N, C-alpha and C. Protein backbone atom coordinates (compact mmCIF):
# COMPACT_ATOMS: atom_id res chain seq x y z
N MET A 1 1.00 15.27 -27.65
CA MET A 1 1.40 16.59 -27.22
C MET A 1 1.75 16.55 -25.73
N LYS A 2 2.87 17.17 -25.39
CA LYS A 2 3.29 17.20 -24.00
C LYS A 2 2.54 18.28 -23.23
N LYS A 3 2.21 17.95 -21.99
CA LYS A 3 1.52 18.84 -21.08
C LYS A 3 2.20 18.75 -19.72
N ILE A 4 1.85 19.64 -18.82
CA ILE A 4 2.32 19.53 -17.44
C ILE A 4 1.22 18.81 -16.66
N TRP A 5 1.60 17.72 -16.02
CA TRP A 5 0.68 16.92 -15.21
C TRP A 5 1.14 16.93 -13.76
N GLU A 6 0.19 16.76 -12.85
CA GLU A 6 0.51 16.58 -11.45
C GLU A 6 -0.09 15.26 -11.00
N ILE A 7 0.72 14.48 -10.32
CA ILE A 7 0.27 13.20 -9.77
C ILE A 7 0.47 13.26 -8.26
N LEU A 8 -0.48 12.71 -7.51
CA LEU A 8 -0.40 12.72 -6.06
C LEU A 8 0.18 11.40 -5.57
N VAL A 9 1.35 11.48 -4.96
CA VAL A 9 2.07 10.31 -4.47
C VAL A 9 1.78 10.16 -2.97
N PRO A 10 1.44 8.95 -2.53
CA PRO A 10 1.09 8.76 -1.12
C PRO A 10 2.30 8.84 -0.19
N THR A 11 2.05 9.20 1.06
CA THR A 11 3.12 9.21 2.07
C THR A 11 2.98 8.05 3.04
N VAL A 12 1.83 7.37 3.01
CA VAL A 12 1.60 6.21 3.88
C VAL A 12 0.96 5.09 3.07
N THR A 13 1.10 3.87 3.58
CA THR A 13 0.46 2.72 2.96
C THR A 13 -1.04 2.73 3.27
N ASN A 14 -1.77 1.84 2.67
CA ASN A 14 -3.20 1.72 2.96
C ASN A 14 -3.45 1.36 4.42
N GLU A 15 -2.45 0.78 5.06
CA GLU A 15 -2.56 0.41 6.47
C GLU A 15 -2.12 1.55 7.39
N GLY A 16 -1.71 2.68 6.81
CA GLY A 16 -1.33 3.84 7.60
C GLY A 16 0.13 3.89 8.00
N LYS A 17 0.96 2.97 7.48
CA LYS A 17 2.39 2.96 7.80
C LYS A 17 3.12 3.93 6.88
N PRO A 18 4.02 4.75 7.44
CA PRO A 18 4.78 5.70 6.60
C PRO A 18 5.60 4.99 5.53
N ILE A 19 5.62 5.57 4.35
CA ILE A 19 6.44 5.05 3.26
C ILE A 19 7.83 5.63 3.42
N ARG A 20 8.83 4.78 3.37
CA ARG A 20 10.22 5.19 3.60
C ARG A 20 10.76 6.05 2.46
N VAL A 21 11.65 6.94 2.81
CA VAL A 21 12.29 7.83 1.83
C VAL A 21 12.99 7.00 0.75
N LYS A 22 13.59 5.89 1.14
CA LYS A 22 14.29 5.02 0.18
C LYS A 22 13.33 4.55 -0.93
N GLN A 23 12.10 4.21 -0.55
CA GLN A 23 11.12 3.78 -1.54
C GLN A 23 10.74 4.94 -2.45
N HIS A 24 10.55 6.12 -1.88
CA HIS A 24 10.24 7.30 -2.69
C HIS A 24 11.38 7.60 -3.67
N LYS A 25 12.62 7.46 -3.23
CA LYS A 25 13.76 7.73 -4.11
C LYS A 25 13.80 6.76 -5.27
N HIS A 26 13.40 5.52 -5.04
CA HIS A 26 13.33 4.54 -6.13
C HIS A 26 12.27 4.96 -7.14
N TRP A 27 11.09 5.40 -6.65
CA TRP A 27 10.02 5.88 -7.54
C TRP A 27 10.51 7.09 -8.32
N ASP A 28 11.15 8.04 -7.63
CA ASP A 28 11.69 9.25 -8.29
C ASP A 28 12.63 8.87 -9.43
N LYS A 29 13.54 7.94 -9.14
CA LYS A 29 14.53 7.52 -10.14
C LYS A 29 13.84 6.92 -11.36
N ARG A 30 12.85 6.09 -11.13
CA ARG A 30 12.14 5.45 -12.25
C ARG A 30 11.45 6.49 -13.13
N VAL A 31 10.76 7.45 -12.51
CA VAL A 31 10.07 8.49 -13.27
C VAL A 31 11.09 9.37 -14.01
N ARG A 32 12.18 9.70 -13.34
CA ARG A 32 13.23 10.51 -13.96
C ARG A 32 13.82 9.78 -15.18
N GLU A 33 14.00 8.46 -15.07
CA GLU A 33 14.50 7.68 -16.21
C GLU A 33 13.52 7.69 -17.38
N LEU A 34 12.23 7.65 -17.07
CA LEU A 34 11.20 7.63 -18.12
C LEU A 34 11.04 8.98 -18.81
N LEU A 35 11.11 10.07 -18.03
CA LEU A 35 10.76 11.38 -18.57
C LEU A 35 11.91 12.37 -18.64
N GLY A 36 13.00 12.09 -17.95
CA GLY A 36 14.11 13.02 -17.95
C GLY A 36 14.06 14.04 -16.83
N GLY A 37 13.00 14.06 -16.04
CA GLY A 37 12.92 14.99 -14.93
C GLY A 37 11.55 14.98 -14.27
N LEU A 38 11.47 15.60 -13.09
CA LEU A 38 10.23 15.72 -12.33
C LEU A 38 10.41 16.82 -11.30
N THR A 39 9.32 17.39 -10.86
CA THR A 39 9.35 18.42 -9.82
C THR A 39 8.57 17.90 -8.63
N ILE A 40 9.25 17.72 -7.51
CA ILE A 40 8.64 17.15 -6.31
C ILE A 40 8.30 18.29 -5.37
N MET A 41 7.02 18.41 -5.04
CA MET A 41 6.55 19.48 -4.17
C MET A 41 6.56 18.98 -2.72
N GLN A 42 6.42 19.89 -1.78
CA GLN A 42 6.35 19.53 -0.37
C GLN A 42 5.04 18.77 -0.10
N PRO A 43 5.09 17.74 0.77
CA PRO A 43 3.87 16.98 1.09
C PRO A 43 3.00 17.73 2.10
N ASN A 44 2.52 18.89 1.70
CA ASN A 44 1.75 19.74 2.61
C ASN A 44 0.26 19.75 2.30
N ILE A 45 -0.19 18.78 1.51
CA ILE A 45 -1.62 18.70 1.23
C ILE A 45 -2.18 17.42 1.84
N LYS A 46 -3.43 17.47 2.22
CA LYS A 46 -4.08 16.30 2.81
C LYS A 46 -5.19 15.85 1.89
N GLY A 47 -5.17 14.59 1.57
CA GLY A 47 -6.22 14.02 0.73
C GLY A 47 -7.15 13.15 1.55
N GLU A 48 -8.41 13.15 1.18
CA GLU A 48 -9.40 12.26 1.78
C GLU A 48 -10.25 11.67 0.67
N TRP A 49 -10.54 10.39 0.78
CA TRP A 49 -11.46 9.77 -0.17
C TRP A 49 -12.11 8.56 0.48
N VAL A 50 -13.24 8.18 -0.07
CA VAL A 50 -13.99 7.03 0.43
C VAL A 50 -13.86 5.91 -0.59
N SER A 51 -13.37 4.76 -0.14
CA SER A 51 -13.19 3.62 -1.04
C SER A 51 -14.55 3.05 -1.42
N PRO A 52 -14.58 2.20 -2.45
CA PRO A 52 -15.85 1.56 -2.82
C PRO A 52 -16.46 0.74 -1.68
N GLN A 53 -15.63 0.31 -0.71
CA GLN A 53 -16.12 -0.45 0.43
C GLN A 53 -16.60 0.47 1.56
N GLY A 54 -16.50 1.79 1.35
CA GLY A 54 -16.98 2.74 2.34
C GLY A 54 -15.95 3.16 3.38
N GLU A 55 -14.70 2.72 3.21
CA GLU A 55 -13.64 3.07 4.15
C GLU A 55 -13.08 4.45 3.81
N ILE A 56 -12.91 5.31 4.81
CA ILE A 56 -12.37 6.64 4.60
C ILE A 56 -10.86 6.61 4.77
N PHE A 57 -10.15 7.11 3.78
CA PHE A 57 -8.69 7.22 3.82
C PHE A 57 -8.34 8.70 3.90
N THR A 58 -7.51 9.06 4.88
CA THR A 58 -7.01 10.42 5.04
C THR A 58 -5.50 10.34 5.12
N GLU A 59 -4.82 11.11 4.28
CA GLU A 59 -3.37 11.07 4.28
C GLU A 59 -2.78 12.31 3.64
N ARG A 60 -1.53 12.59 4.01
CA ARG A 60 -0.78 13.63 3.32
C ARG A 60 -0.32 13.06 1.99
N MET A 61 -0.28 13.93 0.98
CA MET A 61 0.12 13.52 -0.35
C MET A 61 1.30 14.36 -0.81
N ILE A 62 2.12 13.80 -1.69
CA ILE A 62 3.23 14.53 -2.29
C ILE A 62 2.84 14.86 -3.74
N PRO A 63 2.60 16.13 -4.04
CA PRO A 63 2.33 16.50 -5.44
C PRO A 63 3.63 16.46 -6.24
N VAL A 64 3.60 15.77 -7.36
CA VAL A 64 4.77 15.68 -8.24
C VAL A 64 4.33 16.11 -9.63
N ARG A 65 5.07 17.05 -10.20
CA ARG A 65 4.75 17.56 -11.54
C ARG A 65 5.73 17.01 -12.56
N VAL A 66 5.18 16.65 -13.72
CA VAL A 66 5.99 16.09 -14.80
C VAL A 66 5.52 16.67 -16.14
N CYS A 67 6.41 16.66 -17.09
CA CYS A 67 6.11 17.09 -18.46
C CYS A 67 6.12 15.84 -19.34
N CYS A 68 4.95 15.50 -19.88
CA CYS A 68 4.86 14.30 -20.70
C CYS A 68 3.53 14.30 -21.46
N ASP A 69 3.34 13.27 -22.27
CA ASP A 69 2.07 13.15 -22.97
C ASP A 69 1.10 12.29 -22.14
N GLU A 70 -0.12 12.20 -22.62
CA GLU A 70 -1.16 11.52 -21.85
C GLU A 70 -0.88 10.03 -21.66
N LYS A 71 -0.31 9.39 -22.65
CA LYS A 71 0.02 7.97 -22.52
C LYS A 71 1.09 7.76 -21.44
N GLN A 72 2.09 8.63 -21.42
CA GLN A 72 3.15 8.51 -20.42
C GLN A 72 2.62 8.71 -19.00
N ILE A 73 1.77 9.72 -18.78
CA ILE A 73 1.26 9.94 -17.42
C ILE A 73 0.35 8.79 -17.00
N SER A 74 -0.38 8.24 -17.94
CA SER A 74 -1.22 7.07 -17.63
C SER A 74 -0.34 5.90 -17.19
N ASN A 75 0.77 5.69 -17.88
CA ASN A 75 1.70 4.61 -17.50
C ASN A 75 2.33 4.88 -16.14
N ILE A 76 2.67 6.13 -15.87
CA ILE A 76 3.25 6.49 -14.57
C ILE A 76 2.23 6.28 -13.46
N ALA A 77 0.97 6.62 -13.72
CA ALA A 77 -0.08 6.42 -12.72
C ALA A 77 -0.25 4.93 -12.41
N GLN A 78 -0.24 4.09 -13.44
CA GLN A 78 -0.36 2.65 -13.23
C GLN A 78 0.84 2.13 -12.44
N PHE A 79 2.04 2.58 -12.81
CA PHE A 79 3.25 2.20 -12.09
C PHE A 79 3.15 2.63 -10.63
N THR A 80 2.70 3.86 -10.39
CA THR A 80 2.58 4.39 -9.03
C THR A 80 1.59 3.57 -8.22
N LYS A 81 0.47 3.24 -8.82
CA LYS A 81 -0.56 2.45 -8.14
C LYS A 81 0.00 1.09 -7.70
N THR A 82 0.73 0.45 -8.59
CA THR A 82 1.32 -0.86 -8.28
C THR A 82 2.49 -0.72 -7.30
N PHE A 83 3.36 0.22 -7.56
CA PHE A 83 4.57 0.40 -6.74
C PHE A 83 4.24 0.67 -5.28
N TYR A 84 3.24 1.52 -5.05
CA TYR A 84 2.86 1.88 -3.68
C TYR A 84 1.68 1.05 -3.16
N GLU A 85 1.24 0.07 -3.96
CA GLU A 85 0.13 -0.82 -3.59
C GLU A 85 -1.10 -0.02 -3.16
N GLN A 86 -1.50 0.93 -4.01
CA GLN A 86 -2.65 1.79 -3.73
C GLN A 86 -3.89 1.29 -4.45
N GLU A 87 -5.06 1.61 -3.90
CA GLU A 87 -6.31 1.27 -4.58
C GLU A 87 -6.54 2.19 -5.76
N VAL A 88 -6.20 3.46 -5.59
CA VAL A 88 -6.33 4.44 -6.67
C VAL A 88 -5.18 5.43 -6.59
N VAL A 89 -4.91 6.09 -7.71
CA VAL A 89 -3.92 7.16 -7.78
C VAL A 89 -4.56 8.28 -8.61
N MET A 90 -4.43 9.51 -8.14
CA MET A 90 -5.02 10.64 -8.85
C MET A 90 -3.94 11.43 -9.58
N TYR A 91 -4.25 11.80 -10.82
CA TYR A 91 -3.39 12.72 -11.58
C TYR A 91 -4.29 13.61 -12.42
N TYR A 92 -3.77 14.77 -12.78
CA TYR A 92 -4.57 15.75 -13.53
C TYR A 92 -3.64 16.68 -14.29
N CYS A 93 -4.20 17.27 -15.33
CA CYS A 93 -3.46 18.19 -16.18
C CYS A 93 -3.38 19.57 -15.52
N ILE A 94 -2.18 20.12 -15.45
CA ILE A 94 -1.95 21.45 -14.90
C ILE A 94 -1.92 22.49 -16.03
N SER A 95 -1.31 22.12 -17.16
CA SER A 95 -1.16 23.05 -18.27
C SER A 95 -1.15 22.32 -19.59
N ASN A 96 -1.84 22.86 -20.56
CA ASN A 96 -1.85 22.29 -21.90
C ASN A 96 -0.71 22.81 -22.77
N GLU A 97 0.03 23.76 -22.25
CA GLU A 97 1.12 24.36 -23.01
C GLU A 97 2.41 24.27 -22.20
N VAL A 98 3.46 23.81 -22.86
CA VAL A 98 4.76 23.68 -22.20
C VAL A 98 5.80 24.39 -23.05
N LYS A 99 6.58 25.24 -22.40
CA LYS A 99 7.68 25.92 -23.08
C LYS A 99 8.94 25.72 -22.25
N ILE A 100 9.98 25.27 -22.89
CA ILE A 100 11.26 25.07 -22.22
C ILE A 100 12.30 25.89 -22.97
N VAL A 101 12.99 26.77 -22.28
CA VAL A 101 13.97 27.65 -22.92
C VAL A 101 15.35 27.24 -22.48
């Protein structure tokens, strides 16, 4: 069953270097090819988390919403983690019901 999911895309590497727009556009294209579309929100949220090694990461995140099933979002999260070389990637369900007119 398709749901609306939100995944948080990083704006910087683990070393704190900004991720280039060109790299984000490549990620966007890949997700668009897989799902047929995506909604990219403004990177106006700040995430903080503590790694298993005790290191604190603080960064702005880009919320991206997609319509897909749970297997697809899991695959996108794995792709995102590898593509951006992240230790973790967070995603969550926004809506259990999707209507497209």
